[in-house]
């Protein structure tokens, strides 16, 4: 019986230019993977584990329940009378808000007081007075004078440009953003804020929240606030002393 003929295998040759392309592509992918691994290690380095003790859950739950009870009681009380001459208020967040009620956190975010020791100008009306009652244990607020408003804007006035903070050192920037509202320089901006004019909301939104200066080793109480700032809540004209202290 005749043996079957052996089948010869044909080896296809790859052109040299394709081999060079393949080798360079593999080198690029290896470099990208190495850079991605280094970036991942750099970002995750020093990251604390998301661990929370039982005492923290109990404390946050107690604080949330306390806020809900306080807000319900505040709504039953008679509303605070609107000041006849003072329409401008300045609010400074002086307490941490870990574990607070969602209503408190929502109002804090509406006032743009996301960081501790940050401050904003507020137009006082019936709605804003109700909102101030909600965040009263965490915010100190009162009526600033013209000197305080001027010092805040001249020293710490900033606006947002392309997702970054820009200091108000050029009147052309103010004219470019607020020229349609008749505000073309820093003096116009200060006057519009202090007098709570027609374009107050636009001018106030143009200003970023003020990041106030606090000494690193300042004496603090159990709540994390500076002892020199006093208690939160309505401070009236005494808010000017707070501005002098941390501006």
Protein backbone atom coordinates (compact mmCIF):
# COMPACT_ATOMS: atom_id res chain seq x y z
CA UNK A 1 0.00 0.00 0.00
CA UNK A 2 1.46 3.36 -1.00
CA UNK A 3 2.17 5.92 1.75
CA UNK A 4 0.31 9.29 1.48
CA UNK A 5 2.40 12.14 0.21
CA UNK A 6 3.62 14.56 2.91
CA UNK A 7 1.88 17.97 2.84
CA UNK A 8 4.39 20.77 2.76
CA UNK A 9 3.64 23.72 5.06
CA UNK A 10 3.99 27.09 3.45
CA UNK A 11 5.32 29.80 5.83
CA UNK A 12 3.97 33.21 4.90
CA UNK A 13 6.54 35.92 5.31
CA UNK A 14 5.51 39.27 6.86
CA UNK A 15 6.89 42.34 5.11
CA UNK A 16 9.61 44.13 7.02
CA UNK A 17 7.77 47.47 7.20
CA UNK A 18 4.79 45.79 8.87
CA UNK A 19 7.09 44.19 11.44
CA UNK A 20 8.59 47.60 12.26
CA UNK A 21 5.11 49.13 12.66
CA UNK A 22 4.02 46.30 14.91
CA UNK A 23 7.13 46.62 17.08
CA UNK A 24 6.76 50.40 17.46
CA UNK A 25 3.04 50.03 18.30
CA UNK A 26 3.80 47.48 21.02
CA UNK A 27 6.46 49.82 22.46
CA UNK A 28 3.94 52.70 22.56
CA UNK A 29 1.29 50.55 24.30
CA UNK A 30 3.84 49.35 26.86
CA UNK A 31 4.89 52.92 27.61
CA UNK A 32 1.25 54.03 28.01
CA UNK A 33 0.51 51.14 30.37
CA UNK A 34 3.57 51.99 32.47
CA UNK A 35 2.56 55.67 32.70
CA UNK A 36 -1.02 54.72 33.62
CA UNK A 37 0.26 52.46 36.41
CA UNK A 38 2.54 55.20 37.75
CA UNK A 39 -0.34 57.71 37.71
CA UNK A 40 -2.59 55.27 39.54
CA UNK A 41 0.02 54.70 42.22
CA UNK A 42 0.62 58.44 42.56
CA UNK A 43 -3.08 59.24 42.98
CA UNK A 44 -3.79 56.40 45.40
CA UNK A 45 -0.66 57.05 47.48
CA UNK A 46 -1.51 58.18 50.98
CA UNK A 47 -5.25 57.73 50.49
CA UNK A 48 -7.01 56.90 53.73
CA UNK A 49 -9.21 53.83 53.91
CA UNK A 50 -12.95 54.64 53.87
CA UNK A 51 -13.43 53.32 57.42
CA UNK A 52 -16.00 54.73 59.80
CA UNK A 53 -16.47 53.78 63.43
CA UNK A 54 -19.81 53.04 65.02
CA UNK A 55 -19.46 56.12 67.24
CA UNK A 56 -19.32 58.33 64.15
CA UNK A 57 -22.58 56.85 62.79
CA UNK A 58 -24.28 57.46 66.15
CA UNK A 59 -22.94 61.00 66.37
CA UNK A 60 -24.03 61.85 62.81
CA UNK A 61 -27.47 60.38 63.40
CA UNK A 62 -27.89 62.37 66.61
CA UNK A 63 -26.77 65.58 64.90
CA UNK A 64 -29.14 65.01 61.96
CA UNK A 65 -32.08 64.36 64.32
CA UNK A 66 -31.18 67.47 66.34
CA UNK A 67 -31.15 69.61 63.18
CA UNK A 68 -34.55 68.29 62.07
CA UNK A 69 -36.07 69.05 65.48
CA UNK A 70 -34.50 72.53 65.59
CA UNK A 71 -35.78 73.40 62.10
CA UNK A 72 -39.34 72.33 62.98
CA UNK A 73 -39.29 74.47 66.12
CA UNK A 74 -37.85 77.45 64.24
CA UNK A 75 -40.69 77.32 61.71
CA UNK A 76 -43.26 77.63 64.50
CA UNK A 77 -41.68 80.76 65.93
CA UNK A 78 -42.67 84.21 64.64
CA UNK A 79 -40.55 85.40 61.74
CA UNK A 80 -37.76 87.90 62.41
CA UNK A 81 -38.65 91.43 61.41
CA UNK A 82 -36.84 92.75 58.37
CA UNK A 83 -34.33 95.52 59.14
CA UNK A 84 -35.54 98.82 57.65
CA UNK A 85 -32.13 100.18 56.62
CA UNK A 86 -29.90 97.10 56.37
CA UNK A 87 -30.51 94.97 53.30
CA UNK A 88 -26.97 93.62 52.97
CA UNK A 89 -25.64 90.83 55.20
CA UNK A 90 -22.34 89.00 55.30
CA UNK A 91 -22.28 85.35 56.37
CA UNK A 92 -19.21 83.37 57.49
CA UNK A 93 -19.26 79.62 58.01
CA UNK A 94 -17.42 78.91 61.28
CA UNK A 95 -18.50 75.30 62.00
CA UNK A 96 -18.01 71.92 60.34
CA UNK A 97 -21.09 70.30 58.78
CA UNK A 98 -20.21 66.61 59.01
CA UNK A 99 -23.30 64.52 59.60
CA UNK A 100 -25.75 67.41 59.48
CA UNK A 101 -29.29 67.25 58.13
CA UNK A 102 -29.69 67.22 54.31
CA UNK A 103 -31.72 70.45 54.59
CA UNK A 104 -28.81 72.20 56.32
CA UNK A 105 -26.33 70.91 53.74
CA UNK A 106 -28.59 72.06 50.89
CA UNK A 107 -28.86 75.61 52.28
CA UNK A 108 -25.11 75.73 52.90
CA UNK A 109 -24.51 74.82 49.25
CA UNK A 110 -27.07 77.39 48.08
CA UNK A 111 -25.17 80.07 50.00
CA UNK A 112 -21.91 78.74 48.42
CA UNK A 113 -20.35 78.23 51.86
CA UNK A 114 -18.84 74.86 50.97
CA UNK A 115 -15.61 75.46 52.91
CA UNK A 116 -15.18 76.44 56.52
CA UNK A 117 -14.13 80.07 57.11
CA UNK A 118 -15.58 81.15 53.76
CA UNK A 119 -17.90 84.13 53.47
CA UNK A 120 -20.48 85.57 51.07
CA UNK A 121 -22.74 88.60 50.74
CA UNK A 122 -26.48 87.95 51.09
CA UNK A 123 -29.49 90.08 50.22
CA UNK A 124 -31.72 90.09 53.30
CA UNK A 125 -35.39 89.32 52.61
CA UNK A 126 -38.03 87.00 54.05
CA UNK A 127 -36.74 83.97 52.16
CA UNK A 128 -33.11 84.49 53.11
CA UNK A 129 -34.08 85.04 56.77
CA UNK A 130 -35.80 81.63 56.84
CA UNK A 131 -32.73 80.06 55.26
CA UNK A 132 -30.47 81.71 57.84
CA UNK A 133 -32.54 80.08 60.59
CA UNK A 134 -31.81 76.68 59.06
CA UNK A 135 -28.01 77.16 59.14
CA UNK A 136 -27.87 79.32 62.29
CA UNK A 137 -25.68 76.92 64.40
CA UNK A 138 -22.99 76.81 61.70
CA UNK A 139 -22.87 80.36 60.33
CA UNK A 140 -22.18 83.76 61.88
CA UNK A 141 -23.82 86.63 60.04
CA UNK A 142 -24.58 90.29 60.42
CA UNK A 143 -24.65 93.67 58.72
CA UNK A 144 -21.28 94.87 57.34
CA UNK A 145 -20.42 98.54 56.93
CA UNK A 146 -18.93 100.18 53.85
CA UNK A 147 -15.37 99.84 55.16
CA UNK A 148 -15.70 96.07 55.60
CA UNK A 149 -17.23 95.62 52.14
CA UNK A 150 -14.47 97.68 50.54
CA UNK A 151 -11.68 95.80 52.36
CA UNK A 152 -13.12 92.40 51.48
CA UNK A 153 -13.48 93.13 47.77
CA UNK A 154 -10.16 94.96 47.41
CA UNK A 155 -8.14 92.38 49.35
CA UNK A 156 -9.86 89.07 48.60
CA UNK A 157 -12.16 89.78 45.65
CA UNK A 158 -11.91 87.04 43.01
CA UNK A 159 -13.95 85.82 40.08
CA UNK A 160 -14.01 82.65 38.00
CA UNK A 161 -12.38 82.41 34.58
CA UNK A 162 -12.15 79.03 32.82
CA UNK A 163 -12.67 77.06 36.05
CA UNK A 164 -9.98 78.94 37.98
CA UNK A 165 -9.89 81.87 40.38
CA UNK A 166 -8.72 85.25 39.10
CA UNK A 167 -8.01 88.21 41.38
CA UNK A 168 -9.81 91.46 40.59
CA UNK A 169 -6.74 93.50 39.68
CA UNK A 170 -7.93 94.80 36.30
CA UNK A 171 -11.01 96.94 35.70
CA UNK A 172 -11.22 95.70 32.11
CA UNK A 173 -12.18 92.26 33.42
CA UNK A 174 -15.05 93.77 35.42
CA UNK A 175 -16.18 95.87 32.46
CA UNK A 176 -16.11 92.83 30.17
CA UNK A 177 -18.32 90.76 32.48
CA UNK A 178 -20.58 93.41 34.07
CA UNK A 179 -20.44 96.30 31.59
CA UNK A 180 -24.00 95.63 30.42
CA UNK A 181 -25.21 96.34 33.97
CA UNK A 182 -23.36 99.65 34.32
CA UNK A 183 -20.50 98.23 36.42
CA UNK A 184 -17.13 99.02 34.86
CA UNK A 185 -14.68 99.26 37.79
CA UNK A 186 -14.08 98.15 41.37
CA UNK A 187 -15.75 101.23 42.84
CA UNK A 188 -18.92 100.49 40.87
CA UNK A 189 -18.81 96.89 42.08
CA UNK A 190 -18.40 97.96 45.72
CA UNK A 191 -21.25 100.46 45.42
CA UNK A 192 -23.56 97.89 43.80
CA UNK A 193 -22.87 95.32 46.52
CA UNK A 194 -23.19 97.72 49.47
CA UNK A 195 -26.32 99.44 48.18
CA UNK A 196 -27.95 96.14 47.05
CA UNK A 197 -28.89 97.63 43.70
CA UNK A 198 -30.83 96.18 40.81
CA UNK A 199 -27.84 94.16 39.59
CA UNK A 200 -26.86 92.86 43.03
CA UNK A 201 -27.49 89.22 42.14
CA UNK A 202 -25.36 89.41 39.00
CA UNK A 203 -22.56 91.25 40.82
CA UNK A 204 -22.67 88.85 43.78
CA UNK A 205 -22.53 85.80 41.50
CA UNK A 206 -19.60 87.42 39.70
CA UNK A 207 -17.69 87.36 43.00
CA UNK A 208 -16.39 84.02 44.21
CA UNK A 209 -16.90 83.17 47.93
CA UNK A 210 -14.26 84.86 50.04
CA UNK A 211 -11.67 82.46 51.48
CA UNK A 212 -10.78 84.15 54.74
CA UNK A 213 -7.46 83.74 56.55
CA UNK A 214 -7.25 81.82 59.81
CA UNK A 215 -4.08 81.19 61.80
CA UNK A 216 -2.97 77.57 61.55
CA UNK A 217 -2.28 77.23 65.29
CA UNK A 218 -5.20 79.36 66.49
CA UNK A 219 -7.05 78.23 69.61
CA UNK A 220 -10.16 76.24 68.68
CA UNK A 221 -13.07 74.77 70.58
CA UNK A 222 -14.54 71.26 70.35
CA UNK A 223 -16.52 72.21 67.23
CA UNK A 224 -13.38 73.25 65.38
CA UNK A 225 -14.17 76.99 65.38
CA UNK A 226 -11.82 79.70 66.55
CA UNK A 227 -12.55 80.84 70.08
CA UNK A 228 -12.00 84.47 69.08
CA UNK A 229 -14.88 84.32 66.58
CA UNK A 230 -17.46 83.70 69.26
CA UNK A 231 -20.72 81.84 68.85
CA UNK A 232 -22.55 81.39 65.52
CA UNK A 233 -25.86 83.00 64.68
CA UNK A 234 -26.96 86.60 64.24
CA UNK A 235 -24.21 89.03 65.29
CA UNK A 236 -25.59 92.32 63.95
CA UNK A 237 -22.90 94.99 63.44
CA UNK A 238 -20.40 92.82 65.39
CA UNK A 239 -19.76 90.91 62.15
CA UNK A 240 -17.40 93.76 61.24
CA UNK A 241 -15.07 92.70 64.05
CA UNK A 242 -15.08 89.14 62.63
CA UNK A 243 -14.16 90.52 59.20
CA UNK A 244 -11.30 92.54 60.73
CA UNK A 245 -10.06 89.43 62.52
CA UNK A 246 -9.94 86.97 59.61
CA UNK A 247 -9.68 89.17 56.53
